[in-house]
Amino acid sequence: HLQSATPYIIAVPIFIEGNEYGTLWLL
């Protein structure tokens, strides 16, 4: 959960086999 006023944000960083694949965001 990121600390911000608005928008409210949750992020999930995705790592596959030790490498960063990307990030999934919910707002």
mmCIF file of all heavy atoms, coordinates in Angstrom:
data_MODEL
# 
_entry.id   MODEL 
# 
loop_
_atom_site.group_PDB 
_atom_site.id 
_atom_site.type_symbol 
_atom_site.label_atom_id 
_atom_site.label_alt_id 
_atom_site.label_comp_id 
_atom_site.label_asym_id 
_atom_site.label_entity_id 
_atom_site.label_seq_id 
_atom_site.pdbx_PDB_ins_code 
_atom_site.Cartn_x 
_atom_site.Cartn_y 
_atom_site.Cartn_z 
_atom_site.occupancy 
_atom_site.B_iso_or_equiv 
_atom_site.pdbx_formal_charge 
_atom_site.auth_seq_id 
_atom_site.auth_comp_id 
_atom_site.auth_asym_id 
_atom_site.auth_atom_id 
_atom_site.pdbx_PDB_model_num 
ATOM 1   N N   . HIS A 1 1  ? 0.851  -1.191  0.000   1.00 0.00 ? 1  HIS A N   1 
ATOM 2   C CA  . HIS A 1 1  ? 0.000  0.000   0.000   1.00 0.00 ? 1  HIS A CA  1 
ATOM 3   C C   . HIS A 1 1  ? 0.888  1.244   0.000   1.00 0.00 ? 1  HIS A C   1 
ATOM 4   O O   . HIS A 1 1  ? 1.736  1.399   0.883   1.00 0.00 ? 1  HIS A O   1 
ATOM 5   C CB  . HIS A 1 1  ? -0.913 0.021   1.236   1.00 0.00 ? 1  HIS A CB  1 
ATOM 6   C CG  . HIS A 1 1  ? -1.992 -1.018  1.198   1.00 0.00 ? 1  HIS A CG  1 
ATOM 7   N ND1 . HIS A 1 1  ? -3.314 -0.708  0.986   1.00 0.00 ? 1  HIS A ND1 1 
ATOM 8   C CD2 . HIS A 1 1  ? -1.943 -2.365  1.337   1.00 0.00 ? 1  HIS A CD2 1 
ATOM 9   C CE1 . HIS A 1 1  ? -4.023 -1.820  1.006   1.00 0.00 ? 1  HIS A CE1 1 
ATOM 10  N NE2 . HIS A 1 1  ? -3.210 -2.838  1.225   1.00 0.00 ? 1  HIS A NE2 1 
ATOM 11  N N   . LEU A 1 2  ? 0.692  2.116   -0.980  1.00 0.00 ? 2  LEU A N   1 
ATOM 12  C CA  . LEU A 1 2  ? 1.463  3.352   -1.028  1.00 0.00 ? 2  LEU A CA  1 
ATOM 13  C C   . LEU A 1 2  ? 0.750  4.453   -0.259  1.00 0.00 ? 2  LEU A C   1 
ATOM 14  O O   . LEU A 1 2  ? -0.468 4.602   -0.347  1.00 0.00 ? 2  LEU A O   1 
ATOM 15  C CB  . LEU A 1 2  ? 1.667  3.791   -2.485  1.00 0.00 ? 2  LEU A CB  1 
ATOM 16  C CG  . LEU A 1 2  ? 2.485  2.851   -3.375  1.00 0.00 ? 2  LEU A CG  1 
ATOM 17  C CD1 . LEU A 1 2  ? 2.774  3.519   -4.716  1.00 0.00 ? 2  LEU A CD1 1 
ATOM 18  C CD2 . LEU A 1 2  ? 3.800  2.454   -2.718  1.00 0.00 ? 2  LEU A CD2 1 
ATOM 19  N N   . GLN A 1 3  ? 1.544  5.234   0.455   1.00 0.00 ? 3  GLN A N   1 
ATOM 20  C CA  . GLN A 1 3  ? 1.002  6.325   1.255   1.00 0.00 ? 3  GLN A CA  1 
ATOM 21  C C   . GLN A 1 3  ? 0.761  7.548   0.362   1.00 0.00 ? 3  GLN A C   1 
ATOM 22  O O   . GLN A 1 3  ? 1.685  8.257   0.001   1.00 0.00 ? 3  GLN A O   1 
ATOM 23  C CB  . GLN A 1 3  ? 1.967  6.696   2.387   1.00 0.00 ? 3  GLN A CB  1 
ATOM 24  C CG  . GLN A 1 3  ? 2.279  5.549   3.330   1.00 0.00 ? 3  GLN A CG  1 
ATOM 25  C CD  . GLN A 1 3  ? 1.046  5.078   4.078   1.00 0.00 ? 3  GLN A CD  1 
ATOM 26  O OE1 . GLN A 1 3  ? 0.197  5.877   4.458   1.00 0.00 ? 3  GLN A OE1 1 
ATOM 27  N NE2 . GLN A 1 3  ? 0.942  3.767   4.270   1.00 0.00 ? 3  GLN A NE2 1 
ATOM 28  N N   . SER A 1 4  ? -0.469 7.741   -0.075  1.00 0.00 ? 4  SER A N   1 
ATOM 29  C CA  . SER A 1 4  ? -0.807 8.921   -0.879  1.00 0.00 ? 4  SER A CA  1 
ATOM 30  C C   . SER A 1 4  ? -2.242 9.327   -0.577  1.00 0.00 ? 4  SER A C   1 
ATOM 31  O O   . SER A 1 4  ? -3.058 8.523   -0.130  1.00 0.00 ? 4  SER A O   1 
ATOM 32  C CB  . SER A 1 4  ? -0.664 8.616   -2.378  1.00 0.00 ? 4  SER A CB  1 
ATOM 33  O OG  . SER A 1 4  ? -1.578 7.617   -2.768  1.00 0.00 ? 4  SER A OG  1 
ATOM 34  N N   . ALA A 1 5  ? -2.538 10.594  -0.805  1.00 0.00 ? 5  ALA A N   1 
ATOM 35  C CA  . ALA A 1 5  ? -3.891 11.104  -0.543  1.00 0.00 ? 5  ALA A CA  1 
ATOM 36  C C   . ALA A 1 5  ? -4.876 10.428  -1.496  1.00 0.00 ? 5  ALA A C   1 
ATOM 37  O O   . ALA A 1 5  ? -5.682 9.585   -1.097  1.00 0.00 ? 5  ALA A O   1 
ATOM 38  C CB  . ALA A 1 5  ? -3.930 12.614  -0.700  1.00 0.00 ? 5  ALA A CB  1 
ATOM 39  N N   . THR A 1 6  ? -4.847 10.802  -2.723  1.00 0.00 ? 6  THR A N   1 
ATOM 40  C CA  . THR A 1 6  ? -5.620 10.142  -3.776  1.00 0.00 ? 6  THR A CA  1 
ATOM 41  C C   . THR A 1 6  ? -4.806 10.177  -5.062  1.00 0.00 ? 6  THR A C   1 
ATOM 42  O O   . THR A 1 6  ? -4.054 11.135  -5.283  1.00 0.00 ? 6  THR A O   1 
ATOM 43  C CB  . THR A 1 6  ? -6.974 10.847  -4.020  1.00 0.00 ? 6  THR A CB  1 
ATOM 44  O OG1 . THR A 1 6  ? -6.741 12.224  -4.295  1.00 0.00 ? 6  THR A OG1 1 
ATOM 45  C CG2 . THR A 1 6  ? -7.917 10.679  -2.864  1.00 0.00 ? 6  THR A CG2 1 
ATOM 46  N N   . PRO A 1 7  ? -4.919 9.175   -5.892  1.00 0.00 ? 7  PRO A N   1 
ATOM 47  C CA  . PRO A 1 7  ? -5.761 7.992   -5.679  1.00 0.00 ? 7  PRO A CA  1 
ATOM 48  C C   . PRO A 1 7  ? -5.146 7.046   -4.653  1.00 0.00 ? 7  PRO A C   1 
ATOM 49  O O   . PRO A 1 7  ? -3.947 7.118   -4.382  1.00 0.00 ? 7  PRO A O   1 
ATOM 50  C CB  . PRO A 1 7  ? -5.786 7.345   -7.072  1.00 0.00 ? 7  PRO A CB  1 
ATOM 51  C CG  . PRO A 1 7  ? -4.468 7.733   -7.670  1.00 0.00 ? 7  PRO A CG  1 
ATOM 52  C CD  . PRO A 1 7  ? -4.193 9.110   -7.173  1.00 0.00 ? 7  PRO A CD  1 
ATOM 53  N N   . TYR A 1 8  ? -6.005 6.177   -4.083  1.00 0.00 ? 8  TYR A N   1 
ATOM 54  C CA  . TYR A 1 8  ? -5.511 5.113   -3.214  1.00 0.00 ? 8  TYR A CA  1 
ATOM 55  C C   . TYR A 1 8  ? -4.851 4.057   -4.107  1.00 0.00 ? 8  TYR A C   1 
ATOM 56  O O   . TYR A 1 8  ? -5.420 3.645   -5.115  1.00 0.00 ? 8  TYR A O   1 
ATOM 57  C CB  . TYR A 1 8  ? -6.654 4.519   -2.400  1.00 0.00 ? 8  TYR A CB  1 
ATOM 58  C CG  . TYR A 1 8  ? -7.331 5.535   -1.494  1.00 0.00 ? 8  TYR A CG  1 
ATOM 59  C CD1 . TYR A 1 8  ? -8.560 6.080   -1.819  1.00 0.00 ? 8  TYR A CD1 1 
ATOM 60  C CD2 . TYR A 1 8  ? -6.701 5.947   -0.314  1.00 0.00 ? 8  TYR A CD2 1 
ATOM 61  C CE1 . TYR A 1 8  ? -9.175 7.018   -0.997  1.00 0.00 ? 8  TYR A CE1 1 
ATOM 62  C CE2 . TYR A 1 8  ? -7.306 6.888   0.512   1.00 0.00 ? 8  TYR A CE2 1 
ATOM 63  C CZ  . TYR A 1 8  ? -8.539 7.424   0.169   1.00 0.00 ? 8  TYR A CZ  1 
ATOM 64  O OH  . TYR A 1 8  ? -9.138 8.364   0.984   1.00 0.00 ? 8  TYR A OH  1 
ATOM 65  N N   . ILE A 1 9  ? -3.651 3.620   -3.720  1.00 0.00 ? 9  ILE A N   1 
ATOM 66  C CA  . ILE A 1 9  ? -2.869 2.743   -4.600  1.00 0.00 ? 9  ILE A CA  1 
ATOM 67  C C   . ILE A 1 9  ? -2.340 1.516   -3.848  1.00 0.00 ? 9  ILE A C   1 
ATOM 68  O O   . ILE A 1 9  ? -1.833 1.626   -2.736  1.00 0.00 ? 9  ILE A O   1 
ATOM 69  C CB  . ILE A 1 9  ? -1.659 3.501   -5.207  1.00 0.00 ? 9  ILE A CB  1 
ATOM 70  C CG1 . ILE A 1 9  ? -2.135 4.723   -6.006  1.00 0.00 ? 9  ILE A CG1 1 
ATOM 71  C CG2 . ILE A 1 9  ? -0.833 2.580   -6.105  1.00 0.00 ? 9  ILE A CG2 1 
ATOM 72  C CD1 . ILE A 1 9  ? -1.000 5.590   -6.495  1.00 0.00 ? 9  ILE A CD1 1 
ATOM 73  N N   . ILE A 1 10 ? -2.495 0.362   -4.508  1.00 0.00 ? 10 ILE A N   1 
ATOM 74  C CA  . ILE A 1 10 ? -1.806 -0.864  -4.073  1.00 0.00 ? 10 ILE A CA  1 
ATOM 75  C C   . ILE A 1 10 ? -0.983 -1.345  -5.263  1.00 0.00 ? 10 ILE A C   1 
ATOM 76  O O   . ILE A 1 10 ? -1.446 -1.333  -6.409  1.00 0.00 ? 10 ILE A O   1 
ATOM 77  C CB  . ILE A 1 10 ? -2.795 -1.980  -3.660  1.00 0.00 ? 10 ILE A CB  1 
ATOM 78  C CG1 . ILE A 1 10 ? -3.760 -1.505  -2.585  1.00 0.00 ? 10 ILE A CG1 1 
ATOM 79  C CG2 . ILE A 1 10 ? -2.014 -3.203  -3.151  1.00 0.00 ? 10 ILE A CG2 1 
ATOM 80  C CD1 . ILE A 1 10 ? -4.766 -2.560  -2.179  1.00 0.00 ? 10 ILE A CD1 1 
ATOM 81  N N   . ALA A 1 11 ? 0.235  -1.766  -4.996  1.00 0.00 ? 11 ALA A N   1 
ATOM 82  C CA  . ALA A 1 11 ? 1.106  -2.262  -6.069  1.00 0.00 ? 11 ALA A CA  1 
ATOM 83  C C   . ALA A 1 11 ? 1.686  -3.621  -5.693  1.00 0.00 ? 11 ALA A C   1 
ATOM 84  O O   . ALA A 1 11 ? 1.983  -3.876  -4.515  1.00 0.00 ? 11 ALA A O   1 
ATOM 85  C CB  . ALA A 1 11 ? 2.236  -1.277  -6.337  1.00 0.00 ? 11 ALA A CB  1 
ATOM 86  N N   . VAL A 1 12 ? 1.842  -4.479  -6.692  1.00 0.00 ? 12 VAL A N   1 
ATOM 87  C CA  . VAL A 1 12 ? 2.497  -5.779  -6.491  1.00 0.00 ? 12 VAL A CA  1 
ATOM 88  C C   . VAL A 1 12 ? 3.663  -5.887  -7.474  1.00 0.00 ? 12 VAL A C   1 
ATOM 89  O O   . VAL A 1 12 ? 3.446  -6.107  -8.677  1.00 0.00 ? 12 VAL A O   1 
ATOM 90  C CB  . VAL A 1 12 ? 1.529  -6.958  -6.710  1.00 0.00 ? 12 VAL A CB  1 
ATOM 91  C CG1 . VAL A 1 12 ? 2.295  -8.282  -6.625  1.00 0.00 ? 12 VAL A CG1 1 
ATOM 92  C CG2 . VAL A 1 12 ? 0.420  -6.952  -5.677  1.00 0.00 ? 12 VAL A CG2 1 
ATOM 93  N N   . PRO A 1 13 ? 4.900  -5.712  -7.010  1.00 0.00 ? 13 PRO A N   1 
ATOM 94  C CA  . PRO A 1 13 ? 6.064  -5.942  -7.890  1.00 0.00 ? 13 PRO A CA  1 
ATOM 95  C C   . PRO A 1 13 ? 6.161  -7.442  -8.191  1.00 0.00 ? 13 PRO A C   1 
ATOM 96  O O   . PRO A 1 13 ? 5.974  -8.270  -7.295  1.00 0.00 ? 13 PRO A O   1 
ATOM 97  C CB  . PRO A 1 13 ? 7.249  -5.465  -7.055  1.00 0.00 ? 13 PRO A CB  1 
ATOM 98  C CG  . PRO A 1 13 ? 6.649  -4.690  -5.915  1.00 0.00 ? 13 PRO A CG  1 
ATOM 99  C CD  . PRO A 1 13 ? 5.298  -5.272  -5.680  1.00 0.00 ? 13 PRO A CD  1 
ATOM 100 N N   . ILE A 1 14 ? 6.459  -7.780  -9.441  1.00 0.00 ? 14 ILE A N   1 
ATOM 101 C CA  . ILE A 1 14 ? 6.529  -9.185  -9.841  1.00 0.00 ? 14 ILE A CA  1 
ATOM 102 C C   . ILE A 1 14 ? 7.949  -9.513  -10.277 1.00 0.00 ? 14 ILE A C   1 
ATOM 103 O O   . ILE A 1 14 ? 8.488  -8.882  -11.186 1.00 0.00 ? 14 ILE A O   1 
ATOM 104 C CB  . ILE A 1 14 ? 5.543  -9.485  -10.985 1.00 0.00 ? 14 ILE A CB  1 
ATOM 105 C CG1 . ILE A 1 14 ? 4.102  -9.154  -10.543 1.00 0.00 ? 14 ILE A CG1 1 
ATOM 106 C CG2 . ILE A 1 14 ? 5.638  -10.938 -11.414 1.00 0.00 ? 14 ILE A CG2 1 
ATOM 107 C CD1 . ILE A 1 14 ? 3.089  -9.276  -11.665 1.00 0.00 ? 14 ILE A CD1 1 
ATOM 108 N N   . PHE A 1 15 ? 8.536  -10.481 -9.596  1.00 0.00 ? 15 PHE A N   1 
ATOM 109 C CA  . PHE A 1 15 ? 9.871  -10.962 -9.944  1.00 0.00 ? 15 PHE A CA  1 
ATOM 110 C C   . PHE A 1 15 ? 9.761  -12.415 -10.393 1.00 0.00 ? 15 PHE A C   1 
ATOM 111 O O   . PHE A 1 15 ? 9.126  -13.230 -9.723  1.00 0.00 ? 15 PHE A O   1 
ATOM 112 C CB  . PHE A 1 15 ? 10.820 -10.866 -8.744  1.00 0.00 ? 15 PHE A CB  1 
ATOM 113 C CG  . PHE A 1 15 ? 11.269 -9.461  -8.441  1.00 0.00 ? 15 PHE A CG  1 
ATOM 114 C CD1 . PHE A 1 15 ? 10.426 -8.573  -7.788  1.00 0.00 ? 15 PHE A CD1 1 
ATOM 115 C CD2 . PHE A 1 15 ? 12.530 -9.042  -8.806  1.00 0.00 ? 15 PHE A CD2 1 
ATOM 116 C CE1 . PHE A 1 15 ? 10.831 -7.283  -7.520  1.00 0.00 ? 15 PHE A CE1 1 
ATOM 117 C CE2 . PHE A 1 15 ? 12.947 -7.747  -8.535  1.00 0.00 ? 15 PHE A CE2 1 
ATOM 118 C CZ  . PHE A 1 15 ? 12.097 -6.857  -7.895  1.00 0.00 ? 15 PHE A CZ  1 
ATOM 119 N N   . ILE A 1 16 ? 10.378 -12.729 -11.529 1.00 0.00 ? 16 ILE A N   1 
ATOM 120 C CA  . ILE A 1 16 ? 10.369 -14.095 -12.050 1.00 0.00 ? 16 ILE A CA  1 
ATOM 121 C C   . ILE A 1 16 ? 11.801 -14.550 -12.232 1.00 0.00 ? 16 ILE A C   1 
ATOM 122 O O   . ILE A 1 16 ? 12.597 -13.895 -12.912 1.00 0.00 ? 16 ILE A O   1 
ATOM 123 C CB  . ILE A 1 16 ? 9.614  -14.184 -13.397 1.00 0.00 ? 16 ILE A CB  1 
ATOM 124 C CG1 . ILE A 1 16 ? 8.152  -13.738 -13.213 1.00 0.00 ? 16 ILE A CG1 1 
ATOM 125 C CG2 . ILE A 1 16 ? 9.673  -15.601 -13.946 1.00 0.00 ? 16 ILE A CG2 1 
ATOM 126 C CD1 . ILE A 1 16 ? 7.354  -13.738 -14.499 1.00 0.00 ? 16 ILE A CD1 1 
ATOM 127 N N   . GLU A 1 17 ? 12.144 -15.670 -11.592 1.00 0.00 ? 17 GLU A N   1 
ATOM 128 C CA  . GLU A 1 17 ? 13.492 -16.237 -11.665 1.00 0.00 ? 17 GLU A CA  1 
ATOM 129 C C   . GLU A 1 17 ? 14.559 -15.212 -11.296 1.00 0.00 ? 17 GLU A C   1 
ATOM 130 O O   . GLU A 1 17 ? 15.618 -15.125 -11.908 1.00 0.00 ? 17 GLU A O   1 
ATOM 131 C CB  . GLU A 1 17 ? 13.753 -16.816 -13.068 1.00 0.00 ? 17 GLU A CB  1 
ATOM 132 C CG  . GLU A 1 17 ? 12.822 -17.965 -13.399 1.00 0.00 ? 17 GLU A CG  1 
ATOM 133 C CD  . GLU A 1 17 ? 13.020 -18.518 -14.794 1.00 0.00 ? 17 GLU A CD  1 
ATOM 134 O OE1 . GLU A 1 17 ? 13.620 -17.812 -15.621 1.00 0.00 ? 17 GLU A OE1 1 
ATOM 135 O OE2 . GLU A 1 17 ? 12.591 -19.649 -15.048 1.00 0.00 ? 17 GLU A OE2 1 
ATOM 136 N N   . GLY A 1 18 ? 14.240 -14.400 -10.290 1.00 0.00 ? 18 GLY A N   1 
ATOM 137 C CA  . GLY A 1 18 ? 15.194 -13.425 -9.794  1.00 0.00 ? 18 GLY A CA  1 
ATOM 138 C C   . GLY A 1 18 ? 15.259 -12.126 -10.565 1.00 0.00 ? 18 GLY A C   1 
ATOM 139 O O   . GLY A 1 18 ? 15.975 -11.210 -10.181 1.00 0.00 ? 18 GLY A O   1 
ATOM 140 N N   . ASN A 1 19 ? 14.486 -12.007 -11.654 1.00 0.00 ? 19 ASN A N   1 
ATOM 141 C CA  . ASN A 1 19 ? 14.495 -10.798 -12.479 1.00 0.00 ? 19 ASN A CA  1 
ATOM 142 C C   . ASN A 1 19 ? 13.165 -10.071 -12.375 1.00 0.00 ? 19 ASN A C   1 
ATOM 143 O O   . ASN A 1 19 ? 12.099 -10.701 -12.312 1.00 0.00 ? 19 ASN A O   1 
ATOM 144 C CB  . ASN A 1 19 ? 14.776 -11.145 -13.947 1.00 0.00 ? 19 ASN A CB  1 
ATOM 145 C CG  . ASN A 1 19 ? 16.127 -11.809 -14.126 1.00 0.00 ? 19 ASN A CG  1 
ATOM 146 O OD1 . ASN A 1 19 ? 17.127 -11.338 -13.603 1.00 0.00 ? 19 ASN A OD1 1 
ATOM 147 N ND2 . ASN A 1 19 ? 16.154 -12.910 -14.851 1.00 0.00 ? 19 ASN A ND2 1 
ATOM 148 N N   . GLU A 1 20 ? 13.220 -8.731  -12.379 1.00 0.00 ? 20 GLU A N   1 
ATOM 149 C CA  . GLU A 1 20 ? 12.001 -7.948  -12.291 1.00 0.00 ? 20 GLU A CA  1 
ATOM 150 C C   . GLU A 1 20 ? 11.217 -8.052  -13.599 1.00 0.00 ? 20 GLU A C   1 
ATOM 151 O O   . GLU A 1 20 ? 11.736 -7.774  -14.676 1.00 0.00 ? 20 GLU A O   1 
ATOM 152 C CB  . GLU A 1 20 ? 12.338 -6.484  -12.012 1.00 0.00 ? 20 GLU A CB  1 
ATOM 153 C CG  . GLU A 1 20 ? 11.094 -5.635  -11.737 1.00 0.00 ? 20 GLU A CG  1 
ATOM 154 C CD  . GLU A 1 20 ? 11.424 -4.213  -11.311 1.00 0.00 ? 20 GLU A CD  1 
ATOM 155 O OE1 . GLU A 1 20 ? 12.626 -3.908  -11.195 1.00 0.00 ? 20 GLU A OE1 1 
ATOM 156 O OE2 . GLU A 1 20 ? 10.492 -3.430  -11.098 1.00 0.00 ? 20 GLU A OE2 1 
ATOM 157 N N   . TYR A 1 21 ? 9.979  -8.490  -13.504 1.00 0.00 ? 21 TYR A N   1 
ATOM 158 C CA  . TYR A 1 21 ? 9.116  -8.674  -14.674 1.00 0.00 ? 21 TYR A CA  1 
ATOM 159 C C   . TYR A 1 21 ? 8.233  -7.449  -14.899 1.00 0.00 ? 21 TYR A C   1 
ATOM 160 O O   . TYR A 1 21 ? 7.983  -7.041  -16.029 1.00 0.00 ? 21 TYR A O   1 
ATOM 161 C CB  . TYR A 1 21 ? 8.264  -9.927  -14.470 1.00 0.00 ? 21 TYR A CB  1 
ATOM 162 C CG  . TYR A 1 21 ? 7.210  -10.159 -15.520 1.00 0.00 ? 21 TYR A CG  1 
ATOM 163 C CD1 . TYR A 1 21 ? 7.561  -10.344 -16.856 1.00 0.00 ? 21 TYR A CD1 1 
ATOM 164 C CD2 . TYR A 1 21 ? 5.858  -10.212 -15.179 1.00 0.00 ? 21 TYR A CD2 1 
ATOM 165 C CE1 . TYR A 1 21 ? 6.588  -10.571 -17.827 1.00 0.00 ? 21 TYR A CE1 1 
ATOM 166 C CE2 . TYR A 1 21 ? 4.880  -10.438 -16.141 1.00 0.00 ? 21 TYR A CE2 1 
ATOM 167 C CZ  . TYR A 1 21 ? 5.256  -10.627 -17.462 1.00 0.00 ? 21 TYR A CZ  1 
ATOM 168 O OH  . TYR A 1 21 ? 4.295  -10.836 -18.413 1.00 0.00 ? 21 TYR A OH  1 
ATOM 169 N N   . GLY A 1 22 ? 7.764  -6.836  -13.823 1.00 0.00 ? 22 GLY A N   1 
ATOM 170 C CA  . GLY A 1 22 ? 6.897  -5.669  -13.938 1.00 0.00 ? 22 GLY A CA  1 
ATOM 171 C C   . GLY A 1 22 ? 6.141  -5.444  -12.636 1.00 0.00 ? 22 GLY A C   1 
ATOM 172 O O   . GLY A 1 22 ? 6.421  -6.080  -11.614 1.00 0.00 ? 22 GLY A O   1 
ATOM 173 N N   . THR A 1 23 ? 5.172  -4.548  -12.672 1.00 0.00 ? 23 THR A N   1 
ATOM 174 C CA  . THR A 1 23 ? 4.377  -4.227  -11.480 1.00 0.00 ? 23 THR A CA  1 
ATOM 175 C C   . THR A 1 23 ? 2.899  -4.152  -11.854 1.00 0.00 ? 23 THR A C   1 
ATOM 176 O O   . THR A 1 23 ? 2.537  -3.560  -12.871 1.00 0.00 ? 23 THR A O   1 
ATOM 177 C CB  . THR A 1 23 ? 4.817  -2.883  -10.863 1.00 0.00 ? 23 THR A CB  1 
ATOM 178 O OG1 . THR A 1 23 ? 6.214  -2.935  -10.556 1.00 0.00 ? 23 THR A OG1 1 
ATOM 179 C CG2 . THR A 1 23 ? 4.036  -2.584  -9.589  1.00 0.00 ? 23 THR A CG2 1 
ATOM 180 N N   . LEU A 1 24 ? 2.075  -4.765  -11.005 1.00 0.00 ? 24 LEU A N   1 
ATOM 181 C CA  . LEU A 1 24 ? 0.622  -4.711  -11.165 1.00 0.00 ? 24 LEU A CA  1 
ATOM 182 C C   . LEU A 1 24 ? 0.079  -3.679  -10.177 1.00 0.00 ? 24 LEU A C   1 
ATOM 183 O O   . LEU A 1 24 ? 0.360  -3.753  -8.976  1.00 0.00 ? 24 LEU A O   1 
ATOM 184 C CB  . LEU A 1 24 ? 0.028  -6.098  -10.902 1.00 0.00 ? 24 LEU A CB  1 
ATOM 185 C CG  . LEU A 1 24 ? -1.435 -6.329  -11.281 1.00 0.00 ? 24 LEU A CG  1 
ATOM 186 C CD1 . LEU A 1 24 ? -1.660 -6.116  -12.781 1.00 0.00 ? 24 LEU A CD1 1 
ATOM 187 C CD2 . LEU A 1 24 ? -1.872 -7.735  -10.878 1.00 0.00 ? 24 LEU A CD2 1 
ATOM 188 N N   . TRP A 1 25 ? -0.701 -2.710  -10.709 1.00 0.00 ? 25 TRP A N   1 
ATOM 189 C CA  . TRP A 1 25 ? -1.191 -1.594  -9.884  1.00 0.00 ? 25 TRP A CA  1 
ATOM 190 C C   . TRP A 1 25 ? -2.720 -1.642  -9.784  1.00 0.00 ? 25 TRP A C   1 
ATOM 191 O O   . TRP A 1 25 ? -3.404 -1.960  -10.743 1.00 0.00 ? 25 TRP A O   1 
ATOM 192 C CB  . TRP A 1 25 ? -0.811 -0.249  -10.496 1.00 0.00 ? 25 TRP A CB  1 
ATOM 193 C CG  . TRP A 1 25 ? 0.648  -0.040  -10.750 1.00 0.00 ? 25 TRP A CG  1 
ATOM 194 C CD1 . TRP A 1 25 ? 1.383  -0.512  -11.795 1.00 0.00 ? 25 TRP A CD1 1 
ATOM 195 C CD2 . TRP A 1 25 ? 1.559  0.718   -9.945  1.00 0.00 ? 25 TRP A CD2 1 
ATOM 196 N NE1 . TRP A 1 25 ? 2.686  -0.112  -11.707 1.00 0.00 ? 25 TRP A NE1 1 
ATOM 197 C CE2 . TRP A 1 25 ? 2.826  0.662   -10.573 1.00 0.00 ? 25 TRP A CE2 1 
ATOM 198 C CE3 . TRP A 1 25 ? 1.427  1.452   -8.762  1.00 0.00 ? 25 TRP A CE3 1 
ATOM 199 C CZ2 . TRP A 1 25 ? 3.948  1.297   -10.052 1.00 0.00 ? 25 TRP A CZ2 1 
ATOM 200 C CZ3 . TRP A 1 25 ? 2.558  2.090   -8.252  1.00 0.00 ? 25 TRP A CZ3 1 
ATOM 201 C CH2 . TRP A 1 25 ? 3.789  2.015   -8.891  1.00 0.00 ? 25 TRP A CH2 1 
ATOM 202 N N   . LEU A 1 26 ? -3.216 -1.260  -8.587  1.00 0.00 ? 26 LEU A N   1 
ATOM 203 C CA  . LEU A 1 26 ? -4.665 -1.118  -8.364  1.00 0.00 ? 26 LEU A CA  1 
ATOM 204 C C   . LEU A 1 26 ? -4.908 0.281   -7.807  1.00 0.00 ? 26 LEU A C   1 
ATOM 205 O O   . LEU A 1 26 ? -4.268 0.687   -6.836  1.00 0.00 ? 26 LEU A O   1 
ATOM 206 C CB  . LEU A 1 26 ? -5.140 -2.181  -7.363  1.00 0.00 ? 26 LEU A CB  1 
ATOM 207 C CG  . LEU A 1 26 ? -6.653 -2.396  -7.248  1.00 0.00 ? 26 LEU A CG  1 
ATOM 208 C CD1 . LEU A 1 26 ? -7.215 -2.971  -8.539  1.00 0.00 ? 26 LEU A CD1 1 
ATOM 209 C CD2 . LEU A 1 26 ? -6.960 -3.332  -6.084  1.00 0.00 ? 26 LEU A CD2 1 
ATOM 210 N N   . LEU A 1 27 ? -5.841 1.040   -8.446  1.00 0.00 ? 27 LEU A N   1 
ATOM 211 C CA  . LEU A 1 27 ? -6.072 2.431   -8.056  1.00 0.00 ? 27 LEU A CA  1 
ATOM 212 C C   . LEU A 1 27 ? -7.565 2.723   -7.901  1.00 0.00 ? 27 LEU A C   1 
ATOM 213 O O   . LEU A 1 27 ? -8.386 2.194   -8.664  1.00 0.00 ? 27 LEU A O   1 
ATOM 214 C CB  . LEU A 1 27 ? -5.497 3.388   -9.109  1.00 0.00 ? 27 LEU A CB  1 
ATOM 215 C CG  . LEU A 1 27 ? -4.028 3.246   -9.492  1.00 0.00 ? 27 LEU A CG  1 
ATOM 216 C CD1 . LEU A 1 27 ? -3.868 2.329   -10.696 1.00 0.00 ? 27 LEU A CD1 1 
ATOM 217 C CD2 . LEU A 1 27 ? -3.439 4.600   -9.810  1.00 0.00 ? 27 LEU A CD2 1 
# 
